[in-house]
Protein backbone atom coordinates (compact mmCIF):
# COMPACT_ATOMS: atom_id res chain seq x y z
CA MET A 1 10.12 18.22 -1.14
CA SER A 2 9.76 17.00 2.43
CA ALA A 3 11.71 17.67 5.49
CA ALA A 4 12.90 14.17 5.53
CA ASP A 5 14.70 14.68 2.32
CA THR A 6 16.29 18.09 3.26
CA THR A 7 17.77 16.64 6.54
CA THR A 8 21.45 16.10 6.51
CA PRO A 9 22.17 12.49 7.23
CA ALA A 10 24.18 12.04 10.52
CA LYS A 11 27.82 10.62 10.06
CA VAL A 12 28.27 7.39 11.64
CA PRO A 13 31.87 6.62 13.00
CA PRO A 14 33.55 3.62 11.44
CA PRO A 15 33.64 0.64 13.69
CA ARG A 16 36.62 0.12 15.77
CA GLN A 17 38.81 -2.50 14.91
CA ALA A 18 39.63 -5.00 17.69
CA PRO A 19 43.27 -4.92 18.70
CA PRO A 20 45.30 -7.98 17.33
CA PRO A 21 45.72 -10.59 19.96
CA ALA A 22 48.76 -10.33 22.20
CA VAL A 23 51.34 -13.06 21.25
CA PRO A 24 52.56 -14.72 24.43
CA LYS A 25 56.31 -14.50 25.16
CA ALA A 26 58.16 -17.64 25.15
CA PRO A 27 59.12 -18.09 28.82
CA ARG A 28 63.14 -17.73 28.96
CA ARG A 29 64.60 -21.05 29.78
CA ARG A 30 67.17 -20.75 32.83
CA ARG A 31 70.35 -22.08 32.13
CA THR A 32 71.12 -25.05 34.32
CA SER A 33 74.31 -25.43 36.63
CA GLY A 34 75.74 -28.05 34.23
CA GLU A 35 75.43 -25.67 30.97
CA ALA A 36 76.67 -22.80 33.01
CA ALA A 37 79.80 -24.75 33.81
CA VAL A 38 80.71 -25.80 29.99
CA PRO A 39 82.29 -22.69 29.03
CA TRP A 40 84.46 -22.76 32.06
CA ALA A 41 85.13 -26.35 31.54
CA LEU A 42 86.44 -25.45 28.19
CA LEU A 43 88.76 -22.81 29.32
CA ALA A 44 90.04 -24.82 32.31
CA PRO A 45 93.05 -26.21 30.34
CA CYS A 46 94.02 -22.74 29.15
CA LEU A 47 93.74 -21.12 32.48
CA LEU A 48 95.59 -23.95 34.27
CA ILE A 49 98.58 -23.34 31.59
CA LEU A 50 98.55 -19.58 32.21
CA ALA A 51 98.55 -20.09 36.03
CA LEU A 52 101.49 -22.63 35.87
CA VAL A 53 103.39 -20.47 33.40
CA MET A 54 102.68 -16.84 34.42
CA GLY A 55 101.01 -17.26 37.94
CA TYR A 56 104.05 -18.88 39.82
CA PRO A 57 106.58 -16.50 38.32
CA LEU A 58 104.45 -13.32 39.01
CA VAL A 59 103.91 -14.69 42.87
CA ARG A 60 107.59 -15.33 43.11
CA LEU A 61 108.73 -12.05 41.85
CA VAL A 62 106.34 -10.27 44.35
CA THR A 63 107.71 -12.30 46.98
CA LEU A 64 111.39 -11.53 46.43
CA SER A 65 111.03 -8.11 45.67
CA PHE A 66 109.80 -7.65 49.39
CA GLN A 67 112.87 -9.82 50.89
CA LYS A 68 116.72 -9.64 51.18
CA PHE A 69 117.72 -12.19 48.71
CA GLY A 70 121.38 -12.51 47.41
CA GLN A 71 123.79 -15.24 46.66
CA SER A 72 123.94 -16.32 50.32
CA GLN A 73 120.13 -17.11 50.18
CA LEU A 74 120.27 -18.66 46.85
CA TRP A 75 122.73 -21.24 47.97
CA GLY A 76 120.99 -21.81 51.16
CA PHE A 77 123.71 -20.16 53.59
CA GLN A 78 121.21 -17.67 54.93
CA PRO A 79 117.38 -17.67 54.93
CA ALA A 80 115.61 -15.02 53.13
CA GLU A 81 114.67 -12.08 55.27
CA SER A 82 111.69 -9.93 54.90
CA VAL A 83 112.51 -6.12 54.32
CA GLY A 84 109.21 -4.46 53.64
CA PHE A 85 109.65 -1.69 50.87
CA ASP A 86 113.28 -1.32 51.46
CA ASN A 87 114.05 -2.56 48.00
CA PHE A 88 111.56 -0.24 46.31
CA SER A 89 112.98 2.74 48.53
CA LYS A 90 116.53 1.90 47.36
CA VAL A 91 115.47 1.79 43.52
CA LEU A 92 113.30 4.60 43.64
CA GLY A 93 115.69 6.81 45.51
CA ASP A 94 118.59 5.88 42.81
CA SER A 95 119.19 8.53 39.99
CA GLU A 96 120.31 5.72 37.75
CA PHE A 97 116.89 4.08 37.82
CA TRP A 98 115.14 7.36 36.89
CA THR A 99 117.70 7.83 33.95
CA VAL A 100 117.05 4.23 32.65
CA VAL A 101 113.14 4.73 33.06
CA VAL A 102 113.29 8.04 30.82
CA ARG A 103 115.52 6.21 28.27
CA THR A 104 113.23 3.55 28.00
CA ILE A 105 110.15 5.55 27.70
CA VAL A 106 112.09 7.74 25.00
CA PHE A 107 112.96 4.40 23.25
CA ALA A 108 109.77 2.87 23.42
CA ALA A 109 107.87 6.02 22.12
CA GLY A 110 110.32 6.59 19.13
CA SER A 111 109.90 2.83 18.01
CA VAL A 112 106.22 2.87 18.25
CA VAL A 113 105.92 6.25 16.36
CA PHE A 114 108.21 5.09 13.64
CA THR A 115 106.62 1.53 13.61
CA MET A 116 103.01 2.74 13.31
CA VAL A 117 103.72 5.72 10.76
CA LEU A 118 105.75 3.29 8.59
CA GLY A 119 103.31 0.47 9.00
CA MET A 120 100.57 2.70 7.71
CA LEU A 121 102.28 4.08 4.94
CA ILE A 122 103.22 0.65 3.56
CA ALA A 123 99.58 -0.71 4.16
CA LEU A 124 98.22 2.51 2.12
CA LEU A 125 100.82 1.68 -0.55
CA LEU A 126 99.69 -2.04 -0.67
CA GLN A 127 96.02 -0.89 -1.73
CA ARG A 128 97.42 0.85 -4.79
CA VAL A 129 99.83 -1.41 -6.20
CA SER A 130 99.34 -4.50 -8.54
CA GLY A 131 98.48 -8.10 -7.33
CA TRP A 132 101.72 -9.47 -7.91
CA VAL A 133 103.76 -6.80 -6.28
CA LYS A 134 101.30 -7.08 -3.19
CA THR A 135 102.14 -10.71 -3.25
CA LEU A 136 105.83 -10.15 -3.30
CA ILE A 137 105.71 -7.36 -0.46
CA ASN A 138 103.44 -9.74 1.86
CA ILE A 139 105.94 -12.65 0.98
CA ALA A 140 108.98 -10.39 2.31
CA LEU A 141 107.02 -8.98 5.24
CA VAL A 142 106.12 -12.52 6.40
CA ALA A 143 109.88 -13.80 6.12
CA THR A 144 110.92 -10.52 7.94
CA TRP A 145 108.22 -11.36 10.77
CA GLY A 146 109.07 -14.88 10.89
CA MET A 147 112.83 -14.34 11.34
CA PRO A 148 114.27 -15.26 14.79
CA ILE A 149 115.25 -12.37 16.62
CA ILE A 150 118.76 -13.46 17.41
CA VAL A 151 119.45 -13.89 13.53
CA ALA A 152 117.88 -10.48 12.88
CA THR A 153 120.12 -9.03 15.48
CA THR A 154 123.27 -10.91 14.21
CA VAL A 155 122.54 -9.50 10.76
CA PHE A 156 121.99 -6.01 11.88
CA LYS A 157 125.19 -6.26 14.11
CA TRP A 158 127.16 -7.14 10.86
CA LEU A 159 125.56 -4.38 8.81
CA PHE A 160 126.56 -1.64 11.20
CA ASP A 161 130.07 -3.05 12.03
CA SER A 162 132.89 -0.44 12.38
CA ASP A 163 135.25 -2.50 10.24
CA TYR A 164 133.08 -4.79 7.89
CA GLY A 165 129.73 -3.27 7.89
CA ILE A 166 128.33 -2.84 4.42
CA LEU A 167 126.42 0.28 5.72
CA ASN A 168 129.52 2.43 6.36
CA ALA A 169 130.78 1.09 2.78
CA LEU A 170 127.69 2.29 1.07
CA LEU A 171 127.74 5.66 2.79
CA SER A 172 131.35 6.29 2.07
CA LYS A 173 130.73 6.13 -1.76
CA LEU A 174 128.45 9.23 -1.39
CA PRO A 175 130.50 12.47 -2.53
CA GLY A 176 131.91 14.11 0.64
CA VAL A 177 131.05 11.32 3.12
CA ASP A 178 133.87 9.25 5.01
CA MET A 179 132.24 6.69 7.29
CA VAL A 180 134.86 3.93 7.02
CA GLY A 181 135.88 2.64 10.55
CA HIS A 182 132.61 4.61 12.02
CA ASN A 183 131.72 3.09 15.39
CA TRP A 184 128.04 3.20 15.57
CA PHE A 185 128.01 2.19 19.00
CA ALA A 186 130.45 4.82 20.54
CA SER A 187 127.49 6.60 21.96
CA GLY A 188 124.41 5.71 23.58
CA PRO A 189 122.19 7.78 21.35
CA GLN A 190 123.56 6.40 18.00
CA GLY A 191 123.79 2.71 19.33
CA LEU A 192 120.22 3.17 20.64
CA ALA A 193 118.96 4.41 17.28
CA VAL A 194 120.59 1.38 15.40
CA ILE A 195 118.71 -1.14 18.11
CA MET A 196 115.50 1.22 17.56
CA LEU A 197 115.75 0.53 13.73
CA LEU A 198 116.15 -3.04 14.52
CA VAL A 199 113.05 -3.26 16.56
CA VAL A 200 110.98 -1.20 14.21
CA TRP A 201 112.09 -3.55 11.12
CA GLY A 202 110.85 -6.50 13.15
CA ALA A 203 107.64 -4.88 14.16
CA VAL A 204 106.56 -3.33 10.94
CA PRO A 205 105.25 -6.52 9.27
CA PHE A 206 102.75 -7.35 11.95
CA VAL A 207 101.33 -3.61 11.78
CA VAL A 208 101.07 -3.83 7.88
CA ILE A 209 99.21 -7.29 7.85
CA THR A 210 96.86 -6.10 10.46
CA LEU A 211 96.10 -2.57 8.98
CA SER A 212 95.89 -4.08 5.50
CA ALA A 213 93.01 -6.29 6.90
CA GLY A 214 91.52 -3.38 8.29
CA LEU A 215 91.52 -1.44 5.02
CA THR A 216 89.59 -3.95 3.36
CA GLN A 217 86.70 -2.94 5.63
CA VAL A 218 86.62 0.75 4.69
CA PRO A 219 83.55 1.34 2.67
CA SER A 220 84.64 2.58 -0.88
CA GLU A 221 81.24 4.70 -1.21
CA LEU A 222 82.50 6.86 1.73
CA GLU A 223 85.74 7.56 0.17
CA GLU A 224 84.20 8.17 -3.11
CA ALA A 225 81.75 10.77 -1.22
CA ALA A 226 84.55 12.66 0.35
CA ARG A 227 86.19 13.06 -2.86
CA LEU A 228 83.15 14.50 -4.45
CA ASP A 229 82.77 16.89 -1.60
CA GLY A 230 86.38 18.03 -2.40
CA ALA A 231 88.33 16.20 0.05
CA GLY A 232 91.90 15.47 -0.81
CA ALA A 233 93.99 12.43 -0.23
CA TRP A 234 94.78 13.64 3.37
CA GLY A 235 91.07 14.63 4.01
CA VAL A 236 89.87 11.24 3.08
CA PHE A 237 92.45 9.49 5.22
CA ARG A 238 91.75 11.93 8.26
CA TYR A 239 88.07 12.00 8.02
CA VAL A 240 87.15 8.64 6.45
CA THR A 241 89.71 5.99 6.73
CA LEU A 242 91.36 6.88 10.15
CA PRO A 243 87.96 6.74 12.24
CA ILE A 244 87.21 3.47 10.89
CA LEU A 245 90.60 2.12 11.75
CA LYS A 246 90.85 3.70 14.96
CA PRO A 247 90.10 0.49 17.08
CA ILE A 248 92.72 -1.26 15.41
CA VAL A 249 95.49 1.60 15.56
CA VAL A 250 94.73 1.71 19.39
CA MET A 251 94.96 -2.04 19.70
CA LEU A 252 98.33 -1.97 17.55
CA THR A 253 99.61 1.08 19.50
CA THR A 254 99.13 -0.53 22.87
CA LEU A 255 100.69 -3.65 21.98
CA SER A 256 103.74 -2.02 20.40
CA VAL A 257 104.31 0.10 23.58
CA ILE A 258 104.18 -3.10 25.71
CA TRP A 259 106.63 -5.09 23.24
CA ASP A 260 108.95 -2.12 23.05
CA MET A 261 109.18 -1.49 26.92
CA GLY A 262 110.07 -5.04 27.12
CA VAL A 263 112.62 -5.32 24.70
CA PHE A 264 115.66 -7.23 25.84
CA PRO A 265 117.32 -9.59 23.35
CA GLN A 266 118.05 -7.02 20.74
CA VAL A 267 120.13 -4.96 23.29
CA PHE A 268 121.62 -7.90 25.13
CA VAL A 269 122.95 -9.55 21.74
CA MET A 270 123.99 -6.26 19.99
CA ARG A 271 126.19 -5.45 23.04
CA GLY A 272 127.83 -8.87 23.24
CA GLY A 273 125.70 -9.68 26.56
CA HIS A 274 127.20 -7.03 28.64
CA PRO A 275 125.17 -3.48 27.63
CA GLU A 276 126.99 -0.38 28.81
CA ALA A 277 125.24 2.12 31.07
CA GLU A 278 124.09 4.24 27.96
CA PHE A 279 122.53 1.35 26.58
CA GLN A 280 120.53 0.18 29.80
CA LEU A 281 116.76 -0.25 29.32
CA LEU A 282 114.47 -1.54 32.25
CA THR A 283 114.68 -5.02 31.19
CA THR A 284 118.58 -5.14 31.07
CA TYR A 285 118.94 -3.00 33.98
CA SER A 286 116.82 -5.49 35.95
CA TYR A 287 118.73 -8.26 34.66
CA ASP A 288 122.23 -6.73 35.57
CA ARG A 289 120.83 -6.11 39.18
CA ALA A 290 119.76 -9.61 39.58
CA PHE A 291 122.64 -11.76 37.73
CA VAL A 292 125.42 -9.35 37.54
CA VAL A 293 125.29 -7.66 40.79
CA ASN A 294 123.68 -10.73 42.25
CA ASP A 295 120.86 -8.65 43.96
CA TYR A 296 117.81 -10.50 42.97
CA ALA A 297 115.70 -8.69 45.22
CA GLN A 298 116.33 -5.44 43.73
CA GLY A 299 116.37 -7.12 40.33
CA SER A 300 112.62 -8.24 41.29
CA ALA A 301 111.67 -4.81 42.44
CA ILE A 302 112.75 -3.22 39.23
CA ALA A 303 111.07 -5.86 37.27
CA LEU A 304 107.68 -5.39 39.29
CA LEU A 305 108.02 -1.61 38.89
CA THR A 306 108.09 -2.13 34.84
CA VAL A 307 105.06 -4.53 35.22
CA VAL A 308 103.23 -1.54 36.98
CA LEU A 309 104.16 0.77 34.20
CA LEU A 310 102.89 -1.50 31.84
CA LEU A 311 99.62 -2.04 33.54
CA GLY A 312 99.28 1.73 33.33
CA VAL A 313 99.32 1.23 29.42
CA VAL A 314 96.98 -1.41 29.48
CA ALA A 315 94.43 0.75 31.70
CA VAL A 316 94.66 3.22 29.06
CA TYR A 317 94.19 0.99 26.20
CA MET A 318 91.03 -0.46 28.08
CA ARG A 319 89.67 3.10 28.56
CA GLN A 320 90.27 3.64 24.96
CA MET A 321 88.42 0.86 23.85
CA LEU A 322 85.51 1.29 26.14
CA LYS A 323 85.07 4.77 24.70
CA ILE A 324 85.04 3.45 21.28
CA GLY A 325 82.55 0.81 22.21
CA GLU A 326 80.13 3.52 23.77
CA VAL A 327 80.45 5.66 20.56
CA GLU A 328 79.45 2.74 18.26
């Protein structure tokens, strides 16, 4: 055997493959000024309507809150005088105003909690009933939602009437209960509870319909996996359903707070156009200051402070929505 036969052959590395040719990126086409103006042109009519409907009243509200403006100024007998922050000082230094603020916050909080809890329960119930029952409930919800506020308030006023109210008659049929002639509006807490029930009754349909649409987006596979892991009905709802519905719940809660803090016709009509001191909320209190006491400047100042409170609610809502967006 020769040396050439015993020599180990050298390993030759495989040839390197040439990298694929780089695909040139298509240059981004810059939008012309005309294309950039198209969205604004489409939004212009809506923005113009908003400016006319909301812009002028808001500017006028701010202007009046810094002036002395009563009946003399309204009829042109005296010119409006600028008083700086005097109106705000008088309002913020009035103990009655802070009582109304606390009452409004408690009323709005109670209405929102009951609306969201009841709306969630009904929405979950709709997922477990038959098709025709679901259809009937949805028809009833839409009819309730579409009922005018004045009509609904009149119906509730009759239901809770002390002399002819059907609720007192039904409760009096219970053993040991005598509600004949009971006046639900003899005290502020009872009367506001009735008005709160009216507000919740009118707000629940929107919450139910919105949450029902959100529940259709919850994957059934996640719920089934949670049940296989040993989670009960509450565990599935808390750890699967509720996190998915969180953006909708935050939106509905914020809208409910804004709507319930702005309640006016329910209180105004229920009390015959003259709400007593125990029934005053921020909206009715501002109305009374402006059109009953004829101090339009202080009424504007109270309304502006209400707007500031609602802007705080909107700021919390925007912060929560940004946090949800970052997590997703």
